[in-house]
Amino acid sequence: MPINALHKRRGGFSYIVGKYQRLLVKPAPTISICQLPITNYQLPITYYQLPITTIQPPLNLFNSLIHFWDAVVGGTDLEK
């Protein structure tokens, strides 16, 4: 269930805060189970980043990061 639906159904942000506070009071295995999917989602990101660094030289990777930053921000200060 998405968090937005949970917000609308159960009475807003205070319910979410109270629910997570009750989760922290519970024993540690429940918290570790809740954190496991986060690590599973982060692992493929590192796997996808490894071929980029091994195939391309660091200068090309740095230039591609600059072009990506220009695409996100909309140009550097030198271009404006």
Protein backbone atom coordinates (compact mmCIF):
# COMPACT_ATOMS: atom_id res chain seq x y z
CA MET A 1 0.00 0.00 0.00
CA PRO A 2 1.49 3.40 -0.91
CA ILE A 3 2.23 5.86 1.85
CA ASN A 4 -0.13 8.44 0.34
CA ALA A 5 -3.05 6.04 0.55
CA LEU A 6 -2.07 5.23 4.12
CA HIS A 7 -2.01 8.95 4.92
CA LYS A 8 -5.52 9.45 3.57
CA ARG A 9 -6.97 6.30 5.07
CA ARG A 10 -5.54 6.34 8.60
CA GLY A 11 -5.59 10.01 9.51
CA GLY A 12 -2.48 11.74 8.29
CA PHE A 13 1.09 12.23 9.34
CA SER A 14 0.61 11.71 13.08
CA TYR A 15 -0.50 8.12 12.48
CA ILE A 16 2.63 7.45 10.42
CA VAL A 17 4.89 8.88 13.14
CA GLY A 18 3.12 6.87 15.82
CA LYS A 19 3.33 3.70 13.74
CA TYR A 20 7.10 4.07 13.26
CA GLN A 21 7.59 4.89 16.94
CA ARG A 22 5.80 1.65 17.82
CA LEU A 23 8.04 -0.15 15.30
CA LEU A 24 11.16 1.18 17.04
CA VAL A 25 9.87 0.01 20.42
CA LYS A 26 9.47 -3.54 19.09
CA PRO A 27 12.44 -5.95 19.20
CA ALA A 28 15.27 -5.62 16.72
CA PRO A 29 14.42 -8.48 14.26
CA THR A 30 11.35 -6.64 12.96
CA ILE A 31 13.46 -3.56 12.23
CA SER A 32 16.10 -5.64 10.43
CA ILE A 33 13.38 -7.29 8.31
CA CYS A 34 12.04 -3.85 7.39
CA GLN A 35 15.52 -2.69 6.39
CA LEU A 36 16.27 -5.74 4.22
CA PRO A 37 14.32 -4.62 1.11
CA ILE A 38 16.19 -1.29 1.14
CA THR A 39 19.54 -3.06 0.88
CA ASN A 40 18.13 -5.34 -1.83
CA TYR A 41 17.10 -2.31 -3.87
CA GLN A 42 20.48 -0.62 -3.35
CA LEU A 43 22.54 -3.64 -4.44
CA PRO A 44 21.57 -3.58 -8.16
CA ILE A 45 22.48 0.13 -8.33
CA THR A 46 26.07 -0.67 -7.37
CA TYR A 47 26.08 -3.56 -9.84
CA TYR A 48 24.94 -1.26 -12.64
CA GLN A 49 27.52 1.38 -11.74
CA LEU A 50 30.45 -1.06 -11.81
CA PRO A 51 30.58 -1.60 -15.62
CA ILE A 52 30.52 2.17 -16.22
CA THR A 53 33.64 2.74 -14.14
CA THR A 54 35.49 -0.27 -15.54
CA ILE A 55 34.76 0.34 -19.24
CA GLN A 56 35.15 4.12 -19.38
CA PRO A 57 38.25 6.06 -18.34
CA PRO A 58 37.78 8.34 -15.32
CA LEU A 59 37.95 11.47 -17.49
CA ASN A 60 35.03 10.33 -19.66
CA LEU A 61 33.06 9.41 -16.56
CA PHE A 62 33.77 12.84 -15.09
CA ASN A 63 32.71 14.56 -18.32
CA SER A 64 29.52 12.51 -18.46
CA LEU A 65 28.76 13.52 -14.87
CA ILE A 66 29.25 17.18 -15.83
CA HIS A 67 26.89 16.78 -18.81
CA PHE A 68 24.36 15.04 -16.58
CA TRP A 69 24.60 17.86 -14.02
CA ASP A 70 24.12 20.41 -16.81
CA ALA A 71 21.05 18.53 -18.00
CA VAL A 72 19.57 18.42 -14.49
CA VAL A 73 20.40 21.97 -13.37
CA GLY A 74 20.14 23.58 -16.79
CA GLY A 75 23.68 24.75 -17.51
CA THR A 76 26.56 25.87 -15.35
CA ASP A 77 27.13 29.42 -14.14
CA LEU A 78 29.84 29.93 -16.77
CA GLU A 79 27.38 29.32 -19.60
CA LYS A 80 24.77 31.73 -18.20
